[in-house]
Amino acid sequence: MSRFTNPYFETRGEKENGVYEVVRHKGNEQLPFKEKFNSLKEARKFIYQYAHKNPEWLNINGDISEFNFKEGRKQNSWHRNVIEKVYKVLYKDLNEWNE
């Protein structure tokens, strides 16, 4: 990953199984969280709160880089600025995530 996208978070899971995991990536390190989440939104809310409490996990733009992985999907989703491009579009309650 380039300097622009590092560090980043990886979300892993499927709606059908209802279990999502989050892994932090920094350099060559993979640092999984122990927490499990019931939805992608719940996992993303956790990432958002974690990154804002630990700003060293924000990318060079002050946003979050996220790789959304789903087993069996032909092309997984990569977002360099997930707050601007995804969270603000999908989650109308985003402003409440820091409460």
PDB file of N, CA and C in Angstrom:
ATOM      1  N   MET A   1       0.843  -1.185   0.000  1.00  0.00           N
ATOM      2  CA  MET A   1       0.000   0.000   0.000  1.00  0.00           C
ATOM      3  C   MET A   1       0.884   1.243   0.000  1.00  0.00           C
ATOM      4  N   SER A   2       0.409   2.247  -0.595  1.00  0.00           N
ATOM      5  CA  SER A   2       1.195   3.472  -0.665  1.00  0.00           C
ATOM      6  C   SER A   2       1.079   4.269   0.626  1.00  0.00           C
ATOM      7  N   ARG A   3       1.921   5.259   0.748  1.00  0.00           N
ATOM      8  CA  ARG A   3       1.913   6.157   1.902  1.00  0.00           C
ATOM      9  C   ARG A   3       0.536   6.808   2.056  1.00  0.00           C
ATOM     10  N   PHE A   4      -0.147   7.009   0.948  1.00  0.00           N
ATOM     11  CA  PHE A   4      -1.462   7.645   0.958  1.00  0.00           C
ATOM     12  C   PHE A   4      -2.512   6.778   1.660  1.00  0.00           C
ATOM     13  N   THR A   5      -2.407   5.473   1.517  1.00  0.00           N
ATOM     14  CA  THR A   5      -3.445   4.582   2.031  1.00  0.00           C
ATOM     15  C   THR A   5      -3.051   3.871   3.316  1.00  0.00           C
ATOM     16  N   ASN A   6      -1.822   3.986   3.733  1.00  0.00           N
ATOM     17  CA  ASN A   6      -1.357   3.293   4.924  1.00  0.00           C
ATOM     18  C   ASN A   6      -1.392   4.241   6.100  1.00  0.00           C
ATOM     19  N   PRO A   7      -1.892   3.886   7.239  1.00  0.00           N
ATOM     20  CA  PRO A   7      -2.427   2.580   7.604  1.00  0.00           C
ATOM     21  C   PRO A   7      -3.847   2.407   7.058  1.00  0.00           C
ATOM     22  N   TYR A   8      -4.345   1.183   7.170  1.00  0.00           N
ATOM     23  CA  TYR A   8      -5.721   0.955   6.736  1.00  0.00           C
ATOM     24  C   TYR A   8      -6.381  -0.114   7.598  1.00  0.00           C
ATOM     25  N   PHE A   9      -7.698  -0.168   7.498  1.00  0.00           N
ATOM     26  CA  PHE A   9      -8.499  -1.157   8.211  1.00  0.00           C
ATOM     27  C   PHE A   9      -9.099  -2.115   7.191  1.00  0.00           C
ATOM     28  N   GLU A  10      -9.201  -3.361   7.577  1.00  0.00           N
ATOM     29  CA  GLU A  10      -9.841  -4.371   6.743  1.00  0.00           C
ATOM     30  C   GLU A  10     -11.078  -4.872   7.483  1.00  0.00           C
ATOM     31  N   THR A  11     -12.213  -4.841   6.802  1.00  0.00           N
ATOM     32  CA  THR A  11     -13.427  -5.440   7.359  1.00  0.00           C
ATOM     33  C   THR A  11     -13.628  -6.771   6.654  1.00  0.00           C
ATOM     34  N   ARG A  12     -13.914  -7.800   7.442  1.00  0.00           N
ATOM     35  CA  ARG A  12     -14.121  -9.142   6.901  1.00  0.00           C
ATOM     36  C   ARG A  12     -15.436  -9.675   7.433  1.00  0.00           C
ATOM     37  N   GLY A  13     -16.257 -10.194   6.556  1.00  0.00           N
ATOM     38  CA  GLY A  13     -17.504 -10.789   7.009  1.00  0.00           C
ATOM     39  C   GLY A  13     -18.553 -10.801   5.924  1.00  0.00           C
ATOM     40  N   GLU A  14     -19.707 -11.346   6.288  1.00  0.00           N
ATOM     41  CA  GLU A  14     -20.811 -11.461   5.351  1.00  0.00           C
ATOM     42  C   GLU A  14     -22.122 -11.218   6.068  1.00  0.00           C
ATOM     43  N   LYS A  15     -23.013 -10.516   5.411  1.00  0.00           N
ATOM     44  CA  LYS A  15     -24.327 -10.221   5.980  1.00  0.00           C
ATOM     45  C   LYS A  15     -25.059 -11.516   6.349  1.00  0.00           C
ATOM     46  N   GLU A  16     -24.920 -12.540   5.509  1.00  0.00           N
ATOM     47  CA  GLU A  16     -25.620 -13.804   5.728  1.00  0.00           C
ATOM     48  C   GLU A  16     -25.204 -14.467   7.038  1.00  0.00           C
ATOM     49  N   ASN A  17     -23.931 -14.344   7.409  1.00  0.00           N
ATOM     50  CA  ASN A  17     -23.432 -14.966   8.637  1.00  0.00           C
ATOM     51  C   ASN A  17     -23.578 -14.048   9.843  1.00  0.00           C
ATOM     52  N   GLY A  18     -23.701 -12.762   9.599  1.00  0.00           N
ATOM     53  CA  GLY A  18     -23.905 -11.805  10.677  1.00  0.00           C
ATOM     54  C   GLY A  18     -22.732 -11.620  11.614  1.00  0.00           C
ATOM     55  N   VAL A  19     -21.534 -11.942  11.149  1.00  0.00           N
ATOM     56  CA  VAL A  19     -20.343 -11.746  11.980  1.00  0.00           C
ATOM     57  C   VAL A  19     -19.282 -11.032  11.147  1.00  0.00           C
ATOM     58  N   TYR A  20     -18.831  -9.903  11.662  1.00  0.00           N
ATOM     59  CA  TYR A  20     -17.793  -9.123  10.994  1.00  0.00           C
ATOM     60  C   TYR A  20     -16.602  -8.960  11.917  1.00  0.00           C
ATOM     61  N   GLU A  21     -15.428  -8.942  11.317  1.00  0.00           N
ATOM     62  CA  GLU A  21     -14.182  -8.728  12.046  1.00  0.00           C
ATOM     63  C   GLU A  21     -13.478  -7.520  11.455  1.00  0.00           C
ATOM     64  N   VAL A  22     -12.614  -6.902  12.250  1.00  0.00           N
ATOM     65  CA  VAL A  22     -11.823  -5.763  11.794  1.00  0.00           C
ATOM     66  C   VAL A  22     -10.358  -6.054  12.077  1.00  0.00           C
ATOM     67  N   VAL A  23      -9.528  -5.818  11.064  1.00  0.00           N
ATOM     68  CA  VAL A  23      -8.081  -5.997  11.188  1.00  0.00           C
ATOM     69  C   VAL A  23      -7.421  -4.673  10.833  1.00  0.00           C
ATOM     70  N   ARG A  24      -6.487  -4.237  11.685  1.00  0.00           N
ATOM     71  CA  ARG A  24      -5.696  -3.038  11.387  1.00  0.00           C
ATOM     72  C   ARG A  24      -4.449  -3.472  10.621  1.00  0.00           C
ATOM     73  N   HIS A  25      -4.055  -2.673   9.646  1.00  0.00           N
ATOM     74  CA  HIS A  25      -2.832  -2.924   8.879  1.00  0.00           C
ATOM     75  C   HIS A  25      -1.966  -1.674   8.934  1.00  0.00           C
ATOM     76  N   LYS A  26      -0.731  -1.854   9.354  1.00  0.00           N
ATOM     77  CA  LYS A  26       0.229  -0.746   9.386  1.00  0.00           C
ATOM     78  C   LYS A  26       1.571  -1.326   8.967  1.00  0.00           C
ATOM     79  N   GLY A  27       2.103  -0.842   7.843  1.00  0.00           N
ATOM     80  CA  GLY A  27       3.332  -1.433   7.322  1.00  0.00           C
ATOM     81  C   GLY A  27       3.066  -2.893   6.990  1.00  0.00           C
ATOM     82  N   ASN A  28       3.901  -3.783   7.507  1.00  0.00           N
ATOM     83  CA  ASN A  28       3.711  -5.217   7.279  1.00  0.00           C
ATOM     84  C   ASN A  28       2.955  -5.901   8.413  1.00  0.00           C
ATOM     85  N   GLU A  29       2.487  -5.128   9.381  1.00  0.00           N
ATOM     86  CA  GLU A  29       1.790  -5.697  10.532  1.00  0.00           C
ATOM     87  C   GLU A  29       0.295  -5.836  10.287  1.00  0.00           C
ATOM     88  N   GLN A  30      -0.252  -6.972  10.720  1.00  0.00           N
ATOM     89  CA  GLN A  30      -1.692  -7.191  10.751  1.00  0.00           C
ATOM     90  C   GLN A  30      -2.085  -7.313  12.215  1.00  0.00           C
ATOM     91  N   LEU A  31      -2.958  -6.441  12.661  1.00  0.00           N
ATOM     92  CA  LEU A  31      -3.346  -6.388  14.068  1.00  0.00           C
ATOM     93  C   LEU A  31      -4.858  -6.553  14.189  1.00  0.00           C
ATOM     94  N   PRO A  32      -5.338  -7.792  14.358  1.00  0.00           N
ATOM     95  CA  PRO A  32      -6.786  -7.995  14.458  1.00  0.00           C
ATOM     96  C   PRO A  32      -7.332  -7.546  15.810  1.00  0.00           C
ATOM     97  N   PHE A  33      -8.527  -7.002  15.788  1.00  0.00           N
ATOM     98  CA  PHE A  33      -9.236  -6.691  17.026  1.00  0.00           C
ATOM     99  C   PHE A  33      -9.909  -7.969  17.515  1.00  0.00           C
ATOM    100  N   LYS A  34     -10.071  -8.107  18.804  1.00  0.00           N
ATOM    101  CA  LYS A  34     -10.761  -9.270  19.375  1.00  0.00           C
ATOM    102  C   LYS A  34     -12.273  -9.159  19.205  1.00  0.00           C
ATOM    103  N   GLU A  35     -12.767  -7.944  19.122  1.00  0.00           N
ATOM    104  CA  GLU A  35     -14.203  -7.703  19.016  1.00  0.00           C
ATOM    105  C   GLU A  35     -14.770  -8.268  17.716  1.00  0.00           C
ATOM    106  N   LYS A  36     -16.003  -8.758  17.783  1.00  0.00           N
ATOM    107  CA  LYS A  36     -16.764  -9.210  16.614  1.00  0.00           C
ATOM    108  C   LYS A  36     -17.999  -8.320  16.525  1.00  0.00           C
ATOM    109  N   PHE A  37     -18.501  -8.134  15.315  1.00  0.00           N
ATOM    110  CA  PHE A  37     -19.602  -7.209  15.090  1.00  0.00           C
ATOM    111  C   PHE A  37     -20.737  -7.901  14.346  1.00  0.00           C
ATOM    112  N   ASN A  38     -21.961  -7.457  14.596  1.00  0.00           N
ATOM    113  CA  ASN A  38     -23.151  -8.066  13.999  1.00  0.00           C
ATOM    114  C   ASN A  38     -23.475  -7.529  12.612  1.00  0.00           C
ATOM    115  N   SER A  39     -22.881  -6.403  12.243  1.00  0.00           N
ATOM    116  CA  SER A  39     -23.156  -5.810  10.934  1.00  0.00           C
ATOM    117  C   SER A  39     -21.931  -5.030  10.459  1.00  0.00           C
ATOM    118  N   LEU A  40     -21.902  -4.770   9.165  1.00  0.00           N
ATOM    119  CA  LEU A  40     -20.823  -3.959   8.606  1.00  0.00           C
ATOM    120  C   LEU A  40     -20.888  -2.549   9.179  1.00  0.00           C
ATOM    121  N   LYS A  41     -22.089  -2.021   9.351  1.00  0.00           N
ATOM    122  CA  LYS A  41     -22.230  -0.683   9.928  1.00  0.00           C
ATOM    123  C   LYS A  41     -21.634  -0.637  11.332  1.00  0.00           C
ATOM    124  N   GLU A  42     -21.909  -1.644  12.138  1.00  0.00           N
ATOM    125  CA  GLU A  42     -21.369  -1.702  13.496  1.00  0.00           C
ATOM    126  C   GLU A  42     -19.837  -1.749  13.469  1.00  0.00           C
ATOM    127  N   ALA A  43     -19.270  -2.532  12.552  1.00  0.00           N
ATOM    128  CA  ALA A  43     -17.812  -2.613  12.406  1.00  0.00           C
ATOM    129  C   ALA A  43     -17.240  -1.264  11.972  1.00  0.00           C
ATOM    130  N   ARG A  44     -17.905  -0.613  11.044  1.00  0.00           N
ATOM    131  CA  ARG A  44     -17.432   0.691  10.564  1.00  0.00           C
ATOM    132  C   ARG A  44     -17.541   1.766  11.636  1.00  0.00           C
ATOM    133  N   LYS A  45     -18.575   1.709  12.436  1.00  0.00           N
ATOM    134  CA  LYS A  45     -18.715   2.663  13.540  1.00  0.00           C
ATOM    135  C   LYS A  45     -17.555   2.482  14.522  1.00  0.00           C
ATOM    136  N   PHE A  46     -17.200   1.239  14.801  1.00  0.00           N
ATOM    137  CA  PHE A  46     -16.065   0.942  15.670  1.00  0.00           C
ATOM    138  C   PHE A  46     -14.770   1.514  15.076  1.00  0.00           C
ATOM    139  N   ILE A  47     -14.546   1.288  13.779  1.00  0.00           N
ATOM    140  CA  ILE A  47     -13.355   1.807  13.094  1.00  0.00           C
ATOM    141  C   ILE A  47     -13.311   3.330  13.199  1.00  0.00           C
ATOM    142  N   TYR A  48     -14.425   3.971  12.917  1.00  0.00           N
ATOM    143  CA  TYR A  48     -14.521   5.433  12.948  1.00  0.00           C
ATOM    144  C   TYR A  48     -14.137   5.965  14.325  1.00  0.00           C
ATOM    145  N   GLN A  49     -14.716   5.384  15.358  1.00  0.00           N
ATOM    146  CA  GLN A  49     -14.429   5.831  16.722  1.00  0.00           C
ATOM    147  C   GLN A  49     -12.981   5.542  17.103  1.00  0.00           C
ATOM    148  N   TYR A  50     -12.487   4.371  16.748  1.00  0.00           N
ATOM    149  CA  TYR A  50     -11.110   3.996  17.075  1.00  0.00           C
ATOM    150  C   TYR A  50     -10.114   4.941  16.397  1.00  0.00           C
ATOM    151  N   ALA A  51     -10.313   5.190  15.109  1.00  0.00           N
ATOM    152  CA  ALA A  51      -9.381   6.038  14.357  1.00  0.00           C
ATOM    153  C   ALA A  51      -9.375   7.473  14.876  1.00  0.00           C
ATOM    154  N   HIS A  52     -10.509   7.963  15.312  1.00  0.00           N
ATOM    155  CA  HIS A  52     -10.543   9.333  15.830  1.00  0.00           C
ATOM    156  C   HIS A  52      -9.963   9.438  17.235  1.00  0.00           C
ATOM    157  N   LYS A  53     -10.002   8.361  17.988  1.00  0.00           N
ATOM    158  CA  LYS A  53      -9.351   8.345  19.307  1.00  0.00           C
ATOM    159  C   LYS A  53      -7.853   8.080  19.175  1.00  0.00           C
ATOM    160  N   ASN A  54      -7.450   7.488  18.054  1.00  0.00           N
ATOM    161  CA  ASN A  54      -6.057   7.129  17.779  1.00  0.00           C
ATOM    162  C   ASN A  54      -5.694   7.658  16.394  1.00  0.00           C
ATOM    163  N   PRO A  55      -5.453   8.969  16.264  1.00  0.00           N
ATOM    164  CA  PRO A  55      -5.297   9.596  14.947  1.00  0.00           C
ATOM    165  C   PRO A  55      -4.133   9.068  14.108  1.00  0.00           C
ATOM    166  N   GLU A  56      -3.221   8.330  14.714  1.00  0.00           N
ATOM    167  CA  GLU A  56      -2.153   7.714  13.917  1.00  0.00           C
ATOM    168  C   GLU A  56      -2.712   6.663  12.957  1.00  0.00           C
ATOM    169  N   TRP A  57      -3.989   6.297  13.116  1.00  0.00           N
ATOM    170  CA  TRP A  57      -4.639   5.334  12.235  1.00  0.00           C
ATOM    171  C   TRP A  57      -5.426   6.003  11.113  1.00  0.00           C
ATOM    172  N   LEU A  58      -5.387   7.328  11.041  1.00  0.00           N
ATOM    173  CA  LEU A  58      -5.978   8.041   9.910  1.00  0.00           C
ATOM    174  C   LEU A  58      -4.953   8.095   8.784  1.00  0.00           C
ATOM    175  N   ASN A  59      -5.414   8.159   7.539  1.00  0.00           N
ATOM    176  CA  ASN A  59      -4.472   8.256   6.425  1.00  0.00           C
ATOM    177  C   ASN A  59      -3.964   9.694   6.287  1.00  0.00           C
ATOM    178  N   ILE A  60      -3.152   9.936   5.299  1.00  0.00           N
ATOM    179  CA  ILE A  60      -2.509  11.240   5.112  1.00  0.00           C
ATOM    180  C   ILE A  60      -3.531  12.364   4.908  1.00  0.00           C
ATOM    181  N   ASN A  61      -4.738  12.033   4.459  1.00  0.00           N
ATOM    182  CA  ASN A  61      -5.804  13.022   4.267  1.00  0.00           C
ATOM    183  C   ASN A  61      -6.620  13.265   5.527  1.00  0.00           C
ATOM    184  N   GLY A  62      -6.304  12.557   6.608  1.00  0.00           N
ATOM    185  CA  GLY A  62      -7.103  12.668   7.821  1.00  0.00           C
ATOM    186  C   GLY A  62      -8.401  11.886   7.722  1.00  0.00           C
ATOM    187  N   ASP A  63      -8.477  10.985   6.772  1.00  0.00           N
ATOM    188  CA  ASP A  63      -9.640  10.135   6.553  1.00  0.00           C
ATOM    189  C   ASP A  63      -9.234   8.696   6.897  1.00  0.00           C
ATOM    190  N   ILE A  64     -10.091   7.762   6.636  1.00  0.00           N
ATOM    191  CA  ILE A  64      -9.834   6.350   6.927  1.00  0.00           C
ATOM    192  C   ILE A  64      -9.724   5.595   5.613  1.00  0.00           C
ATOM    193  N   SER A  65      -8.727   4.728   5.525  1.00  0.00           N
ATOM    194  CA  SER A  65      -8.610   3.822   4.386  1.00  0.00           C
ATOM    195  C   SER A  65      -9.171   2.472   4.824  1.00  0.00           C
ATOM    196  N   GLU A  66     -10.008   1.878   3.970  1.00  0.00           N
ATOM    197  CA  GLU A  66     -10.677   0.624   4.341  1.00  0.00           C
ATOM    198  C   GLU A  66     -10.701  -0.341   3.168  1.00  0.00           C
ATOM    199  N   PHE A  67     -10.390  -1.596   3.465  1.00  0.00           N
ATOM    200  CA  PHE A  67     -10.518  -2.690   2.511  1.00  0.00           C
ATOM    201  C   PHE A  67     -11.654  -3.565   3.012  1.00  0.00           C
ATOM    202  N   ASN A  68     -12.710  -3.690   2.218  1.00  0.00           N
ATOM    203  CA  ASN A  68     -13.882  -4.471   2.604  1.00  0.00           C
ATOM    204  C   ASN A  68     -13.822  -5.811   1.889  1.00  0.00           C
ATOM    205  N   PHE A  69     -13.509  -6.870   2.654  1.00  0.00           N
ATOM    206  CA  PHE A  69     -13.305  -8.206   2.097  1.00  0.00           C
ATOM    207  C   PHE A  69     -14.499  -9.100   2.390  1.00  0.00           C
ATOM    208  N   LYS A  70     -14.949  -9.791   1.347  1.00  0.00           N
ATOM    209  CA  LYS A  70     -16.013 -10.782   1.498  1.00  0.00           C
ATOM    210  C   LYS A  70     -15.565 -12.046   0.775  1.00  0.00           C
ATOM    211  N   GLU A  71     -15.537 -13.153   1.490  1.00  0.00           N
ATOM    212  CA  GLU A  71     -15.132 -14.446   0.927  1.00  0.00           C
ATOM    213  C   GLU A  71     -15.972 -14.764  -0.304  1.00  0.00           C
ATOM    214  N   GLY A  72     -15.317 -15.137  -1.388  1.00  0.00           N
ATOM    215  CA  GLY A  72     -16.018 -15.530  -2.597  1.00  0.00           C
ATOM    216  C   GLY A  72     -16.408 -14.391  -3.526  1.00  0.00           C
ATOM    217  N   ARG A  73     -16.237 -13.168  -3.094  1.00  0.00           N
ATOM    218  CA  ARG A  73     -16.561 -12.026  -3.961  1.00  0.00           C
ATOM    219  C   ARG A  73     -15.428 -11.857  -4.967  1.00  0.00           C
ATOM    220  N   LYS A  74     -15.770 -11.648  -6.221  1.00  0.00           N
ATOM    221  CA  LYS A  74     -14.745 -11.532  -7.266  1.00  0.00           C
ATOM    222  C   LYS A  74     -13.875 -10.300  -7.084  1.00  0.00           C
ATOM    223  N   GLN A  75     -14.484  -9.190  -6.722  1.00  0.00           N
ATOM    224  CA  GLN A  75     -13.714  -7.966  -6.518  1.00  0.00           C
ATOM    225  C   GLN A  75     -14.142  -7.325  -5.207  1.00  0.00           C
ATOM    226  N   ASN A  76     -13.208  -7.244  -4.278  1.00  0.00           N
ATOM    227  CA  ASN A  76     -13.489  -6.639  -2.982  1.00  0.00           C
ATOM    228  C   ASN A  76     -13.314  -5.127  -3.071  1.00  0.00           C
ATOM    229  N   SER A  77     -13.931  -4.420  -2.140  1.00  0.00           N
ATOM    230  CA  SER A  77     -13.979  -2.958  -2.203  1.00  0.00           C
ATOM    231  C   SER A  77     -12.825  -2.309  -1.459  1.00  0.00           C
ATOM    232  N   TRP A  78     -12.162  -1.379  -2.133  1.00  0.00           N
ATOM    233  CA  TRP A  78     -11.086  -0.594  -1.531  1.00  0.00           C
ATOM    234  C   TRP A  78     -11.527   0.864  -1.501  1.00  0.00           C
ATOM    235  N   HIS A  79     -11.429   1.495  -0.329  1.00  0.00           N
ATOM    236  CA  HIS A  79     -11.816   2.893  -0.180  1.00  0.00           C
ATOM    237  C   HIS A  79     -10.666   3.664   0.454  1.00  0.00           C
ATOM    238  N   ARG A  80     -10.097   4.617  -0.274  1.00  0.00           N
ATOM    239  CA  ARG A  80      -9.002   5.431   0.277  1.00  0.00           C
ATOM    240  C   ARG A  80      -9.516   6.458   1.287  1.00  0.00           C
ATOM    241  N   ASN A  81     -10.676   6.971   1.059  1.00  0.00           N
ATOM    242  CA  ASN A  81     -11.278   7.995   1.928  1.00  0.00           C
ATOM    243  C   ASN A  81     -12.708   7.579   2.243  1.00  0.00           C
ATOM    244  N   VAL A  82     -12.827   6.558   3.058  1.00  0.00           N
ATOM    245  CA  VAL A  82     -14.118   5.920   3.288  1.00  0.00           C
ATOM    246  C   VAL A  82     -15.120   6.828   4.005  1.00  0.00           C
ATOM    247  N   ILE A  83     -14.659   7.752   4.836  1.00  0.00           N
ATOM    248  CA  ILE A  83     -15.604   8.650   5.512  1.00  0.00           C
ATOM    249  C   ILE A  83     -16.334   9.494   4.470  1.00  0.00           C
ATOM    250  N   GLU A  84     -15.571  10.132   3.592  1.00  0.00           N
ATOM    251  CA  GLU A  84     -16.156  11.010   2.569  1.00  0.00           C
ATOM    252  C   GLU A  84     -16.955  10.241   1.521  1.00  0.00           C
ATOM    253  N   LYS A  85     -16.412   9.127   1.053  1.00  0.00           N
ATOM    254  CA  LYS A  85     -17.000   8.440  -0.096  1.00  0.00           C
ATOM    255  C   LYS A  85     -18.073   7.418   0.260  1.00  0.00           C
ATOM    256  N   VAL A  86     -18.057   6.902   1.487  1.00  0.00           N
ATOM    257  CA  VAL A  86     -19.009   5.846   1.843  1.00  0.00           C
ATOM    258  C   VAL A  86     -19.820   6.193   3.084  1.00  0.00           C
ATOM    259  N   TYR A  87     -19.150   6.451   4.196  1.00  0.00           N
ATOM    260  CA  TYR A  87     -19.863   6.668   5.460  1.00  0.00           C
ATOM    261  C   TYR A  87     -20.863   7.818   5.359  1.00  0.00           C
ATOM    262  N   LYS A  88     -20.446   8.951   4.800  1.00  0.00           N
ATOM    263  CA  LYS A  88     -21.340  10.116   4.699  1.00  0.00           C
ATOM    264  C   LYS A  88     -22.506   9.865   3.751  1.00  0.00           C
ATOM    265  N   VAL A  89     -22.322   8.959   2.800  1.00  0.00           N
ATOM    266  CA  VAL A  89     -23.370   8.634   1.839  1.00  0.00           C
ATOM    267  C   VAL A  89     -24.365   7.625   2.424  1.00  0.00           C
ATOM    268  N   LEU A  90     -23.854   6.598   3.087  1.00  0.00           N
ATOM    269  CA  LEU A  90     -24.703   5.508   3.569  1.00  0.00           C
ATOM    270  C   LEU A  90     -25.313   5.721   4.949  1.00  0.00           C
ATOM    271  N   TYR A  91     -24.614   6.437   5.812  1.00  0.00           N
ATOM    272  CA  TYR A  91     -25.015   6.483   7.219  1.00  0.00           C
ATOM    273  C   TYR A  91     -25.442   7.893   7.629  1.00  0.00           C
ATOM    274  N   LYS A  92     -26.730   8.113   7.662  1.00  0.00           N
ATOM    275  CA  LYS A  92     -27.275   9.438   7.999  1.00  0.00           C
ATOM    276  C   LYS A  92     -27.000   9.817   9.452  1.00  0.00           C
ATOM    277  N   ASP A  93     -26.713   8.838  10.304  1.00  0.00           N
ATOM    278  CA  ASP A  93     -26.436   9.096  11.720  1.00  0.00           C
ATOM    279  C   ASP A  93     -24.939   9.233  12.013  1.00  0.00           C
ATOM    280  N   LEU A  94     -24.135   9.432  10.996  1.00  0.00           N
ATOM    281  CA  LEU A  94     -22.677   9.528  11.161  1.00  0.00           C
ATOM    282  C   LEU A  94     -22.274  10.559  12.212  1.00  0.00           C
ATOM    283  N   ASN A  95     -22.956  11.689  12.255  1.00  0.00           N
ATOM    284  CA  ASN A  95     -22.612  12.739  13.222  1.00  0.00           C
ATOM    285  C   ASN A  95     -22.782  12.285  14.667  1.00  0.00           C
ATOM    286  N   GLU A  96     -23.539  11.232  14.886  1.00  0.00           N
ATOM    287  CA  GLU A  96     -23.776  10.712  16.231  1.00  0.00           C
ATOM    288  C   GLU A  96     -22.762   9.638  16.633  1.00  0.00           C
ATOM    289  N   TRP A  97     -21.899   9.217  15.728  1.00  0.00           N
ATOM    290  CA  TRP A  97     -20.980   8.109  15.997  1.00  0.00           C
ATOM    291  C   TRP A  97     -19.933   8.437  17.054  1.00  0.00           C
ATOM    292  N   ASN A  98     -19.666   9.697  17.300  1.00  0.00           N
ATOM    293  CA  ASN A  98     -18.667  10.060  18.316  1.00  0.00           C
ATOM    294  C   ASN A  98     -19.266  10.213  19.705  1.00  0.00           C
ATOM    295  N   GLU A  99     -20.558  10.064  19.821  1.00  0.00           N
ATOM    296  CA  GLU A  99     -21.223  10.253  21.124  1.00  0.00           C
ATOM    297  C   GLU A  99     -21.057   9.035  22.008  1.00  0.00           C
TER     298      GLU A  99
END
